[in-house]
Amino acid sequence: MNNPLVHKTLVAVIWLASLYLGISKGAWLLAVAIAVLHTVEVFTKGISAGTKAGKSKLYSAVMTLIFGYAWWKFII
C-alpha cells in the first residue's frame, strides 16, 4: 500500500476521528497531542521536504499540519 491518496485519506480520517473522540469523550489531551506533534513536524521535516519538492513554505506547513508524514513522505 504505497498510494499517497490512500495514506492521505487514512490520515484525514484518523485525524478527524481523534478530534471527535478527544472532544466528545472529554479526552481533549489527545487532540492537543496530535496538534502539537504535527506542529513540531512542520518545523522538523515538513517545510524542508516541501521546499525541496518545489512547494511553497506555506503550502508545506498547511499540508504537514493536516496530513503529517503521509504528505511529505511521498515527495522526498
Protein backbone atom coordinates (compact mmCIF):
# COMPACT_ATOMS: atom_id res chain seq x y z
CA MET A 1 0.00 0.00 0.00
CA ASN A 2 2.19 2.77 -1.30
CA ASN A 3 -0.53 5.04 -2.65
CA PRO A 4 -0.27 8.66 -1.45
CA LEU A 5 -4.00 9.26 -1.82
CA VAL A 6 -4.83 6.28 0.39
CA HIS A 7 -2.35 7.45 3.03
CA LYS A 8 -3.72 10.99 2.98
CA THR A 9 -7.28 9.73 3.25
CA LEU A 10 -6.43 7.44 6.17
CA VAL A 11 -4.59 10.20 8.00
CA ALA A 12 -7.50 12.61 7.49
CA VAL A 13 -9.98 10.02 8.82
CA ILE A 14 -7.80 9.24 11.84
CA TRP A 15 -7.26 12.95 12.49
CA LEU A 16 -10.99 13.70 12.38
CA ALA A 17 -11.86 10.64 14.49
CA SER A 18 -9.25 11.61 17.07
CA LEU A 19 -10.56 15.14 17.26
CA TYR A 20 -14.14 13.92 17.60
CA LEU A 21 -13.30 11.37 20.28
CA GLY A 22 -10.99 13.75 22.06
CA ILE A 23 -13.62 16.47 22.26
CA SER A 24 -16.76 14.36 22.73
CA LYS A 25 -15.30 11.99 25.31
CA GLY A 26 -13.51 14.67 27.26
CA ALA A 27 -10.09 13.34 26.28
CA TRP A 28 -9.05 16.68 24.81
CA LEU A 29 -5.43 15.89 25.59
CA LEU A 30 -5.36 13.53 22.60
CA ALA A 31 -6.40 16.30 20.22
CA VAL A 32 -3.82 18.63 21.74
CA ALA A 33 -1.08 15.99 21.47
CA ILE A 34 -1.81 15.41 17.79
CA ALA A 35 -1.82 19.14 17.08
CA VAL A 36 1.48 19.60 18.91
CA LEU A 37 3.04 16.63 17.10
CA HIS A 38 2.08 17.96 13.69
CA THR A 39 3.21 21.49 14.57
CA VAL A 40 6.65 20.19 15.58
CA GLU A 41 6.73 18.11 12.40
CA VAL A 42 6.17 21.25 10.30
CA PHE A 43 9.46 22.70 11.50
CA THR A 44 11.49 19.49 11.72
CA LYS A 45 10.65 17.97 8.34
CA GLY A 46 7.59 19.35 6.55
CA ILE A 47 8.88 22.69 5.30
CA SER A 48 12.28 21.37 4.22
CA ALA A 49 10.74 18.42 2.37
CA GLY A 50 8.19 20.67 0.70
CA THR A 51 10.68 23.30 -0.45
CA LYS A 52 12.97 20.61 -1.85
CA ALA A 53 9.99 19.39 -3.89
CA GLY A 54 9.28 22.90 -5.17
CA LYS A 55 6.32 23.68 -2.90
CA SER A 56 5.93 26.94 -1.01
CA LYS A 57 6.63 27.12 2.71
CA LEU A 58 3.00 27.98 3.47
CA TYR A 59 1.68 25.07 1.39
CA SER A 60 4.19 22.72 3.02
CA ALA A 61 3.20 23.87 6.52
CA VAL A 62 -0.53 23.51 5.88
CA MET A 63 -0.19 20.06 4.28
CA THR A 64 2.02 18.86 7.14
CA LEU A 65 -0.42 20.15 9.74
CA ILE A 66 -3.28 18.32 8.05
CA PHE A 67 -1.63 15.12 6.87
CA GLY A 68 1.64 14.84 8.79
CA TYR A 69 4.20 12.38 7.44
CA ALA A 70 1.70 10.93 4.95
CA TRP A 71 2.14 14.09 2.89
CA TRP A 72 5.89 14.67 2.84
CA LYS A 73 6.87 11.01 2.82
CA PHE A 74 5.96 10.73 -0.85
CA ILE A 75 7.60 13.91 -2.11
CA ILE A 76 11.12 13.23 -0.84
